[in-house]
PDB file of N, CA and C in Angstrom:
ATOM      1  N   UNK A   1      -7.482  11.218 -15.957  1.00  0.00           N
ATOM      2  CA  UNK A   1      -7.535  12.615 -15.506  1.00  0.00           C
ATOM      3  C   UNK A   1      -7.152  12.678 -14.115  1.00  0.00           C
ATOM      4  N   UNK A   2      -6.605  13.891 -13.730  1.00  0.00           N
ATOM      5  CA  UNK A   2      -6.130  14.177 -12.394  1.00  0.00           C
ATOM      6  C   UNK A   2      -7.270  14.770 -11.609  1.00  0.00           C
ATOM      7  N   UNK A   3      -7.570  14.221 -10.458  1.00  0.00           N
ATOM      8  CA  UNK A   3      -8.619  14.656  -9.616  1.00  0.00           C
ATOM      9  C   UNK A   3      -8.110  14.895  -8.224  1.00  0.00           C
ATOM     10  N   UNK A   4      -8.706  15.922  -7.594  1.00  0.00           N
ATOM     11  CA  UNK A   4      -8.455  16.243  -6.118  1.00  0.00           C
ATOM     12  C   UNK A   4      -9.738  15.959  -5.416  1.00  0.00           C
ATOM     13  N   UNK A   5      -9.734  15.102  -4.365  1.00  0.00           N
ATOM     14  CA  UNK A   5     -10.936  14.887  -3.520  1.00  0.00           C
ATOM     15  C   UNK A   5     -10.724  15.423  -2.146  1.00  0.00           C
ATOM     16  N   UNK A   6     -11.729  16.245  -1.746  1.00  0.00           N
ATOM     17  CA  UNK A   6     -11.642  16.744  -0.474  1.00  0.00           C
ATOM     18  C   UNK A   6     -12.940  16.413   0.306  1.00  0.00           C
ATOM     19  N   UNK A   7     -12.870  16.232   1.656  1.00  0.00           N
ATOM     20  CA  UNK A   7     -14.009  15.989   2.397  1.00  0.00           C
ATOM     21  C   UNK A   7     -13.919  16.532   3.821  1.00  0.00           C
ATOM     22  N   UNK A   8     -15.081  16.723   4.392  1.00  0.00           N
ATOM     23  CA  UNK A   8     -15.153  17.177   5.783  1.00  0.00           C
ATOM     24  C   UNK A   8     -16.404  16.399   6.413  1.00  0.00           C
ATOM     25  N   UNK A   9     -16.108  15.440   7.234  1.00  0.00           N
ATOM     26  CA  UNK A   9     -17.116  14.708   7.799  1.00  0.00           C
ATOM     27  C   UNK A   9     -17.457  15.064   9.272  1.00  0.00           C
ATOM     28  N   UNK A  10     -18.647  15.172   9.595  1.00  0.00           N
ATOM     29  CA  UNK A  10     -19.060  15.515  10.957  1.00  0.00           C
ATOM     30  C   UNK A  10     -18.649  14.305  11.822  1.00  0.00           C
ATOM     31  N   UNK A  11     -17.846  14.521  12.796  1.00  0.00           N
ATOM     32  CA  UNK A  11     -17.414  13.471  13.652  1.00  0.00           C
ATOM     33  C   UNK A  11     -17.838  13.703  15.179  1.00  0.00           C
ATOM     34  N   UNK A  12     -18.859  14.322  15.308  1.00  0.00           N
ATOM     35  CA  UNK A  12     -19.644  14.466  16.649  1.00  0.00           C
ATOM     36  C   UNK A  12     -20.205  13.231  17.138  1.00  0.00           C
ATOM     37  N   UNK A  13     -20.351  12.253  16.374  1.00  0.00           N
ATOM     38  CA  UNK A  13     -21.052  11.021  16.834  1.00  0.00           C
ATOM     39  C   UNK A  13     -20.131   9.855  16.390  1.00  0.00           C
ATOM     40  N   UNK A  14     -20.346   8.596  17.065  1.00  0.00           N
ATOM     41  CA  UNK A  14     -19.593   7.469  16.636  1.00  0.00           C
ATOM     42  C   UNK A  14     -19.832   7.064  15.252  1.00  0.00           C
ATOM     43  N   UNK A  15     -21.013   7.251  14.804  1.00  0.00           N
ATOM     44  CA  UNK A  15     -21.317   6.941  13.416  1.00  0.00           C
ATOM     45  C   UNK A  15     -20.517   7.905  12.359  1.00  0.00           C
ATOM     46  N   UNK A  16     -20.443   9.252  12.812  1.00  0.00           N
ATOM     47  CA  UNK A  16     -19.627  10.119  12.022  1.00  0.00           C
ATOM     48  C   UNK A  16     -18.245   9.796  11.932  1.00  0.00           C
ATOM     49  N   UNK A  17     -17.635   9.304  13.103  1.00  0.00           N
ATOM     50  CA  UNK A  17     -16.172   8.939  13.110  1.00  0.00           C
ATOM     51  C   UNK A  17     -15.952   7.574  12.311  1.00  0.00           C
ATOM     52  N   UNK A  18     -17.056   6.835  12.220  1.00  0.00           N
ATOM     53  CA  UNK A  18     -17.007   5.571  11.406  1.00  0.00           C
ATOM     54  C   UNK A  18     -17.004   6.000   9.823  1.00  0.00           C
ATOM     55  N   UNK A  19     -17.815   6.976   9.606  1.00  0.00           N
ATOM     56  CA  UNK A  19     -17.857   7.413   8.109  1.00  0.00           C
ATOM     57  C   UNK A  19     -16.535   8.125   7.814  1.00  0.00           C
ATOM     58  N   UNK A  20     -15.998   8.854   8.699  1.00  0.00           N
ATOM     59  CA  UNK A  20     -14.626   9.489   8.293  1.00  0.00           C
ATOM     60  C   UNK A  20     -13.578   8.439   8.056  1.00  0.00           C
ATOM     61  N   UNK A  21     -13.467   7.365   8.848  1.00  0.00           N
ATOM     62  CA  UNK A  21     -12.501   6.238   8.563  1.00  0.00           C
ATOM     63  C   UNK A  21     -12.909   5.639   7.216  1.00  0.00           C
ATOM     64  N   UNK A  22     -14.100   5.331   6.964  1.00  0.00           N
ATOM     65  CA  UNK A  22     -14.418   4.739   5.812  1.00  0.00           C
ATOM     66  C   UNK A  22     -14.167   5.537   4.455  1.00  0.00           C
ATOM     67  N   UNK A  23     -14.475   6.764   4.564  1.00  0.00           N
ATOM     68  CA  UNK A  23     -14.118   7.878   3.459  1.00  0.00           C
ATOM     69  C   UNK A  23     -12.612   7.777   3.249  1.00  0.00           C
ATOM     70  N   UNK A  24     -11.858   7.861   4.266  1.00  0.00           N
ATOM     71  CA  UNK A  24     -10.392   7.858   4.105  1.00  0.00           C
ATOM     72  C   UNK A  24      -9.880   6.582   3.506  1.00  0.00           C
ATOM     73  N   UNK A  25     -10.335   5.535   3.974  1.00  0.00           N
ATOM     74  CA  UNK A  25      -9.867   4.106   3.498  1.00  0.00           C
ATOM     75  C   UNK A  25     -10.362   4.010   2.007  1.00  0.00           C
ATOM     76  N   UNK A  26     -11.453   4.491   1.686  1.00  0.00           N
ATOM     77  CA  UNK A  26     -11.963   4.429   0.227  1.00  0.00           C
ATOM     78  C   UNK A  26     -11.032   5.282  -0.616  1.00  0.00           C
ATOM     79  N   UNK A  27     -10.725   6.490  -0.232  1.00  0.00           N
ATOM     80  CA  UNK A  27      -9.902   7.319  -1.006  1.00  0.00           C
ATOM     81  C   UNK A  27      -8.492   6.813  -0.984  1.00  0.00           C
ATOM     82  N   UNK A  28      -7.977   6.188  -0.021  1.00  0.00           N
ATOM     83  CA  UNK A  28      -6.616   5.464  -0.157  1.00  0.00           C
ATOM     84  C   UNK A  28      -6.543   4.489  -1.206  1.00  0.00           C
ATOM     85  N   UNK A  29      -7.718   3.826  -1.564  1.00  0.00           N
ATOM     86  CA  UNK A  29      -7.727   2.843  -2.544  1.00  0.00           C
ATOM     87  C   UNK A  29      -7.525   3.366  -3.981  1.00  0.00           C
ATOM     88  N   UNK A  30      -7.665   4.703  -4.062  1.00  0.00           N
ATOM     89  CA  UNK A  30      -7.700   5.290  -5.431  1.00  0.00           C
ATOM     90  C   UNK A  30      -6.605   6.391  -5.637  1.00  0.00           C
ATOM     91  N   UNK A  31      -5.969   6.918  -4.480  1.00  0.00           N
ATOM     92  CA  UNK A  31      -5.160   7.921  -4.701  1.00  0.00           C
ATOM     93  C   UNK A  31      -4.073   8.078  -3.560  1.00  0.00           C
ATOM     94  N   UNK A  32      -3.428   9.269  -3.505  1.00  0.00           N
ATOM     95  CA  UNK A  32      -2.453   9.564  -2.399  1.00  0.00           C
ATOM     96  C   UNK A  32      -3.054  10.681  -1.468  1.00  0.00           C
ATOM     97  N   UNK A  33      -2.946  10.425  -0.164  1.00  0.00           N
ATOM     98  CA  UNK A  33      -3.347  11.445   0.721  1.00  0.00           C
ATOM     99  C   UNK A  33      -2.151  12.547   0.649  1.00  0.00           C
ATOM    100  N   UNK A  34      -2.609  13.821   0.470  1.00  0.00           N
ATOM    101  CA  UNK A  34      -1.654  14.901   0.341  1.00  0.00           C
ATOM    102  C   UNK A  34      -1.847  15.822   1.645  1.00  0.00           C
ATOM    103  N   UNK A  35      -2.950  15.842   2.240  1.00  0.00           N
ATOM    104  CA  UNK A  35      -3.291  16.417   3.620  1.00  0.00           C
ATOM    105  C   UNK A  35      -4.290  15.615   4.259  1.00  0.00           C
ATOM    106  N   UNK A  36      -4.682  15.948   5.390  1.00  0.00           N
ATOM    107  CA  UNK A  36      -5.644  15.015   6.285  1.00  0.00           C
ATOM    108  C   UNK A  36      -6.849  14.656   5.503  1.00  0.00           C
ATOM    109  N   UNK A  37      -7.528  15.588   4.905  1.00  0.00           N
ATOM    110  CA  UNK A  37      -8.750  15.171   4.216  1.00  0.00           C
ATOM    111  C   UNK A  37      -8.655  15.580   2.721  1.00  0.00           C
ATOM    112  N   UNK A  38      -7.479  15.404   2.170  1.00  0.00           N
ATOM    113  CA  UNK A  38      -7.329  15.764   0.714  1.00  0.00           C
ATOM    114  C   UNK A  38      -6.498  14.699   0.017  1.00  0.00           C
ATOM    115  N   UNK A  39      -7.074  14.204  -1.091  1.00  0.00           N
ATOM    116  CA  UNK A  39      -6.427  13.117  -1.761  1.00  0.00           C
ATOM    117  C   UNK A  39      -6.314  13.608  -3.278  1.00  0.00           C
ATOM    118  N   UNK A  40      -5.155  13.216  -3.811  1.00  0.00           N
ATOM    119  CA  UNK A  40      -4.968  13.498  -5.259  1.00  0.00           C
ATOM    120  C   UNK A  40      -4.937  12.176  -5.982  1.00  0.00           C
ATOM    121  N   UNK A  41      -5.633  12.104  -7.106  1.00  0.00           N
ATOM    122  CA  UNK A  41      -5.828  10.796  -7.786  1.00  0.00           C
ATOM    123  C   UNK A  41      -5.656  10.936  -9.302  1.00  0.00           C
ATOM    124  N   UNK A  42      -5.115   9.930  -9.964  1.00  0.00           N
ATOM    125  CA  UNK A  42      -5.034   9.920 -11.347  1.00  0.00           C
ATOM    126  C   UNK A  42      -6.068   8.782 -11.774  1.00  0.00           C
ATOM    127  N   UNK A  43      -7.262   9.103 -12.269  1.00  0.00           N
ATOM    128  CA  UNK A  43      -8.341   8.188 -12.450  1.00  0.00           C
ATOM    129  C   UNK A  43      -8.852   8.150 -13.970  1.00  0.00           C
ATOM    130  N   UNK A  44      -9.133   7.026 -14.507  1.00  0.00           N
ATOM    131  CA  UNK A  44      -9.846   7.086 -15.751  1.00  0.00           C
ATOM    132  C   UNK A  44     -11.325   7.208 -15.422  1.00  0.00           C
ATOM    133  N   UNK A  45     -12.151   7.284 -16.458  1.00  0.00           N
ATOM    134  CA  UNK A  45     -13.552   7.519 -16.244  1.00  0.00           C
ATOM    135  C   UNK A  45     -14.222   6.505 -15.322  1.00  0.00           C
ATOM    136  N   UNK A  46     -13.969   5.248 -15.619  1.00  0.00           N
ATOM    137  CA  UNK A  46     -14.613   4.229 -14.864  1.00  0.00           C
ATOM    138  C   UNK A  46     -14.224   4.310 -13.368  1.00  0.00           C
ATOM    139  N   UNK A  47     -12.914   4.415 -13.067  1.00  0.00           N
ATOM    140  CA  UNK A  47     -12.408   4.536 -11.695  1.00  0.00           C
ATOM    141  C   UNK A  47     -12.928   5.818 -10.967  1.00  0.00           C
ATOM    142  N   UNK A  48     -13.063   6.842 -11.658  1.00  0.00           N
ATOM    143  CA  UNK A  48     -13.674   8.115 -11.132  1.00  0.00           C
ATOM    144  C   UNK A  48     -15.142   7.799 -10.648  1.00  0.00           C
ATOM    145  N   UNK A  49     -15.883   7.098 -11.590  1.00  0.00           N
ATOM    146  CA  UNK A  49     -17.331   6.918 -11.204  1.00  0.00           C
ATOM    147  C   UNK A  49     -17.412   5.866 -10.010  1.00  0.00           C
ATOM    148  N   UNK A  50     -16.536   4.923  -9.983  1.00  0.00           N
ATOM    149  CA  UNK A  50     -16.496   3.946  -8.967  1.00  0.00           C
ATOM    150  C   UNK A  50     -16.236   4.661  -7.599  1.00  0.00           C
ATOM    151  N   UNK A  51     -15.168   5.524  -7.574  1.00  0.00           N
ATOM    152  CA  UNK A  51     -14.863   6.312  -6.328  1.00  0.00           C
ATOM    153  C   UNK A  51     -16.057   7.215  -5.927  1.00  0.00           C
ATOM    154  N   UNK A  52     -16.519   7.940  -6.781  1.00  0.00           N
ATOM    155  CA  UNK A  52     -17.579   8.922  -6.570  1.00  0.00           C
ATOM    156  C   UNK A  52     -18.775   8.106  -6.006  1.00  0.00           C
ATOM    157  N   UNK A  53     -19.252   6.973  -6.573  1.00  0.00           N
ATOM    158  CA  UNK A  53     -20.332   6.212  -6.150  1.00  0.00           C
ATOM    159  C   UNK A  53     -20.075   5.634  -4.709  1.00  0.00           C
ATOM    160  N   UNK A  54     -18.823   5.132  -4.415  1.00  0.00           N
ATOM    161  CA  UNK A  54     -18.600   4.587  -3.118  1.00  0.00           C
ATOM    162  C   UNK A  54     -18.619   5.736  -2.118  1.00  0.00           C
ATOM    163  N   UNK A  55     -18.107   6.831  -2.434  1.00  0.00           N
ATOM    164  CA  UNK A  55     -18.055   8.021  -1.446  1.00  0.00           C
ATOM    165  C   UNK A  55     -19.450   8.494  -1.196  1.00  0.00           C
ATOM    166  N   UNK A  56     -20.293   8.562  -2.185  1.00  0.00           N
ATOM    167  CA  UNK A  56     -21.717   9.099  -2.010  1.00  0.00           C
ATOM    168  C   UNK A  56     -22.499   8.112  -1.198  1.00  0.00           C
ATOM    169  N   UNK A  57     -22.159   6.889  -1.260  1.00  0.00           N
ATOM    170  CA  UNK A  57     -22.856   5.794  -0.398  1.00  0.00           C
ATOM    171  C   UNK A  57     -22.395   5.936   1.047  1.00  0.00           C
ATOM    172  N   UNK A  58     -21.341   6.534   1.315  1.00  0.00           N
ATOM    173  CA  UNK A  58     -20.726   6.492   2.653  1.00  0.00           C
ATOM    174  C   UNK A  58     -21.203   7.793   3.442  1.00  0.00           C
ATOM    175  N   UNK A  59     -21.012   8.950   2.746  1.00  0.00           N
ATOM    176  CA  UNK A  59     -21.267  10.184   3.466  1.00  0.00           C
ATOM    177  C   UNK A  59     -22.798  10.479   3.751  1.00  0.00           C
ATOM    178  N   UNK A  60     -22.940  11.322   4.722  1.00  0.00           N
ATOM    179  CA  UNK A  60     -24.335  11.790   5.077  1.00  0.00           C
ATOM    180  C   UNK A  60     -24.451  13.152   4.494  1.00  0.00           C
ATOM    181  N   UNK A  61     -25.114  13.352   3.359  1.00  0.00           N
ATOM    182  CA  UNK A  61     -25.141  14.734   2.793  1.00  0.00           C
ATOM    183  C   UNK A  61     -25.816  15.792   3.525  1.00  0.00           C
ATOM    184  N   UNK A  62     -26.392  15.449   4.615  1.00  0.00           N
ATOM    185  CA  UNK A  62     -26.940  16.426   5.496  1.00  0.00           C
ATOM    186  C   UNK A  62     -26.029  16.957   6.483  1.00  0.00           C
ATOM    187  N   UNK A  63     -24.967  16.151   6.760  1.00  0.00           N
ATOM    188  CA  UNK A  63     -23.912  16.560   7.803  1.00  0.00           C
ATOM    189  C   UNK A  63     -22.457  16.584   7.322  1.00  0.00           C
ATOM    190  N   UNK A  64     -22.214  16.083   6.165  1.00  0.00           N
ATOM    191  CA  UNK A  64     -20.849  15.996   5.641  1.00  0.00           C
ATOM    192  C   UNK A  64     -20.657  16.767   4.234  1.00  0.00           C
ATOM    193  N   UNK A  65     -19.487  16.950   3.938  1.00  0.00           N
ATOM    194  CA  UNK A  65     -19.209  17.674   2.628  1.00  0.00           C
ATOM    195  C   UNK A  65     -18.161  16.961   1.921  1.00  0.00           C
ATOM    196  N   UNK A  66     -18.379  16.778   0.518  1.00  0.00           N
ATOM    197  CA  UNK A  66     -17.542  16.039  -0.301  1.00  0.00           C
ATOM    198  C   UNK A  66     -17.277  16.928  -1.503  1.00  0.00           C
ATOM    199  N   UNK A  67     -16.033  17.131  -1.977  1.00  0.00           N
ATOM    200  CA  UNK A  67     -15.819  18.005  -3.239  1.00  0.00           C
ATOM    201  C   UNK A  67     -14.839  17.196  -3.965  1.00  0.00           C
ATOM    202  N   UNK A  68     -15.128  17.189  -5.380  1.00  0.00           N
ATOM    203  CA  UNK A  68     -14.342  16.518  -6.228  1.00  0.00           C
ATOM    204  C   UNK A  68     -13.911  17.429  -7.394  1.00  0.00           C
ATOM    205  N   UNK A  69     -12.646  17.674  -7.461  1.00  0.00           N
ATOM    206  CA  UNK A  69     -12.130  18.671  -8.440  1.00  0.00           C
ATOM    207  C   UNK A  69     -11.525  17.942  -9.624  1.00  0.00           C
ATOM    208  N   UNK A  70     -11.652  18.417 -10.847  1.00  0.00           N
ATOM    209  CA  UNK A  70     -10.988  17.809 -11.942  1.00  0.00           C
ATOM    210  C   UNK A  70      -9.978  18.800 -12.500  1.00  0.00           C
ATOM    211  N   UNK A  71      -8.643  18.347 -12.471  1.00  0.00           N
ATOM    212  CA  UNK A  71      -7.643  19.324 -12.923  1.00  0.00           C
ATOM    213  C   UNK A  71      -7.203  18.898 -14.383  1.00  0.00           C
ATOM    214  N   UNK A  72      -7.291  19.912 -15.210  1.00  0.00           N
ATOM    215  CA  UNK A  72      -7.008  19.628 -16.729  1.00  0.00           C
ATOM    216  C   UNK A  72      -5.581  19.406 -16.977  1.00  0.00           C
ATOM    217  N   UNK A  73      -5.219  18.687 -18.051  1.00  0.00           N
ATOM    218  CA  UNK A  73      -3.847  18.543 -18.413  1.00  0.00           C
ATOM    219  C   UNK A  73      -3.345  19.760 -19.054  1.00  0.00           C
ATOM    220  N   UNK A  74      -2.064  20.053 -18.997  1.00  0.00           N
ATOM    221  CA  UNK A  74      -1.100  19.432 -18.040  1.00  0.00           C
ATOM    222  C   UNK A  74      -1.307  19.998 -16.688  1.00  0.00           C
ATOM    223  N   UNK A  75      -1.608  19.017 -15.729  1.00  0.00           N
ATOM    224  CA  UNK A  75      -2.069  19.371 -14.291  1.00  0.00           C
ATOM    225  C   UNK A  75      -0.963  20.118 -13.623  1.00  0.00           C
ATOM    226  N   UNK A  76       0.300  19.904 -13.931  1.00  0.00           N
ATOM    227  CA  UNK A  76       1.309  20.571 -13.108  1.00  0.00           C
ATOM    228  C   UNK A  76       1.274  22.099 -13.393  1.00  0.00           C
ATOM    229  N   UNK A  77       0.693  22.517 -14.487  1.00  0.00           N
ATOM    230  CA  UNK A  77       0.481  23.972 -14.698  1.00  0.00           C
ATOM    231  C   UNK A  77      -0.518  24.557 -13.877  1.00  0.00           C
ATOM    232  N   UNK A  78      -1.469  23.760 -13.341  1.00  0.00           N
ATOM    233  CA  UNK A  78      -2.698  24.283 -12.690  1.00  0.00           C
ATOM    234  C   UNK A  78      -2.491  24.243 -11.168  1.00  0.00           C
ATOM    235  N   UNK A  79      -1.413  23.753 -10.677  1.00  0.00           N
ATOM    236  CA  UNK A  79      -1.237  23.375  -9.193  1.00  0.00           C
ATOM    237  C   UNK A  79      -0.017  24.363  -8.671  1.00  0.00           C
ATOM    238  N   UNK A  80      -0.212  25.112  -7.762  1.00  0.00           N
ATOM    239  CA  UNK A  80       0.740  25.842  -6.911  1.00  0.00           C
ATOM    240  C   UNK A  80       0.894  25.123  -5.623  1.00  0.00           C
ATOM    241  N   UNK A  81       2.107  25.046  -5.119  1.00  0.00           N
ATOM    242  CA  UNK A  81       2.257  24.312  -3.866  1.00  0.00           C
ATOM    243  C   UNK A  81       3.318  25.111  -3.005  1.00  0.00           C
ATOM    244  N   UNK A  82       3.140  25.412  -1.808  1.00  0.00           N
ATOM    245  CA  UNK A  82       4.012  26.073  -0.917  1.00  0.00           C
ATOM    246  C   UNK A  82       4.112  25.349   0.484  1.00  0.00           C
ATOM    247  N   UNK A  83       5.168  25.395   1.062  1.00  0.00           N
ATOM    248  CA  UNK A  83       5.501  24.675   2.440  1.00  0.00           C
ATOM    249  C   UNK A  83       5.835  23.357   2.171  1.00  0.00           C
ATOM    250  N   UNK A  84       5.606  22.417   3.114  1.00  0.00           N
ATOM    251  CA  UNK A  84       6.180  21.083   3.201  1.00  0.00           C
ATOM    252  C   UNK A  84       5.383  20.220   2.218  1.00  0.00           C
ATOM    253  N   UNK A  85       6.066  19.074   1.987  1.00  0.00           N
ATOM    254  CA  UNK A  85       5.379  18.052   1.054  1.00  0.00           C
ATOM    255  C   UNK A  85       5.686  18.420  -0.431  1.00  0.00           C
ATOM    256  N   UNK A  86       5.485  17.249  -1.182  1.00  0.00           N
ATOM    257  CA  UNK A  86       5.831  17.486  -2.753  1.00  0.00           C
ATOM    258  C   UNK A  86       4.418  17.269  -3.440  1.00  0.00           C
ATOM    259  N   UNK A  87       4.469  17.683  -4.575  1.00  0.00           N
ATOM    260  CA  UNK A  87       3.381  17.308  -5.518  1.00  0.00           C
ATOM    261  C   UNK A  87       3.597  16.030  -5.976  1.00  0.00           C
ATOM    262  N   UNK A  88       2.819  14.950  -5.718  1.00  0.00           N
ATOM    263  CA  UNK A  88       3.053  13.505  -6.114  1.00  0.00           C
ATOM    264  C   UNK A  88       2.883  13.299  -7.540  1.00  0.00           C
ATOM    265  N   UNK A  89       3.802  12.514  -8.103  1.00  0.00           N
ATOM    266  CA  UNK A  89       3.691  12.079  -9.502  1.00  0.00           C
ATOM    267  C   UNK A  89       2.834  10.829  -9.596  1.00  0.00           C
ATOM    268  N   UNK A  90       1.685  11.085  -9.844  1.00  0.00           N
ATOM    269  CA  UNK A  90       0.628   9.945  -9.875  1.00  0.00           C
ATOM    270  C   UNK A  90       0.676   9.201 -11.031  1.00  0.00           C
ATOM    271  N   UNK A  91       1.507   9.476 -12.127  1.00  0.00           N
ATOM    272  CA  UNK A  91       1.614   8.657 -13.273  1.00  0.00           C
ATOM    273  C   UNK A  91       2.929   7.884 -13.235  1.00  0.00           C
ATOM    274  N   UNK A  92       3.797   8.181 -12.366  1.00  0.00           N
ATOM    275  CA  UNK A  92       4.959   7.435 -12.197  1.00  0.00           C
ATOM    276  C   UNK A  92       4.820   6.238 -11.372  1.00  0.00           C
ATOM    277  N   UNK A  93       5.833   5.348 -11.132  1.00  0.00           N
ATOM    278  CA  UNK A  93       5.753   4.166 -10.312  1.00  0.00           C
ATOM    279  C   UNK A  93       5.464   4.564  -8.870  1.00  0.00           C
ATOM    280  N   UNK A  94       4.784   3.816  -8.196  1.00  0.00           N
ATOM    281  CA  UNK A  94       4.442   4.079  -6.719  1.00  0.00           C
ATOM    282  C   UNK A  94       5.345   3.123  -5.935  1.00  0.00           C
ATOM    283  N   UNK A  95       6.163   3.769  -5.045  1.00  0.00           N
ATOM    284  CA  UNK A  95       7.084   2.982  -4.234  1.00  0.00           C
ATOM    285  C   UNK A  95       6.524   3.115  -2.718  1.00  0.00           C
ATOM    286  N   UNK A  96       6.281   2.011  -2.123  1.00  0.00           N
ATOM    287  CA  UNK A  96       5.685   1.979  -0.758  1.00  0.00           C
ATOM    288  C   UNK A  96       6.744   1.471   0.255  1.00  0.00           C
TER     289      UNK A  96
END
């Protein structure tokens, strides 16, 4: 299933900046960054729960915000995009 992960981590402290880096690195392991704090991922149920568990272990729920959106199929019918950047094809081959 197609997921959008967004986060806002309080970076007023050194610990907050560390959490921000750790959240971003974790999301990079599961999907593609499409904006600074937004990732798009194609995940099966097991991968989704792994990602969610890891992120909840990182963030401070009293200071940070994490949102996980589930986009139904066909996901391209539920996404509108304007401006720069493309909607990534998360089901096709990934070329780095």
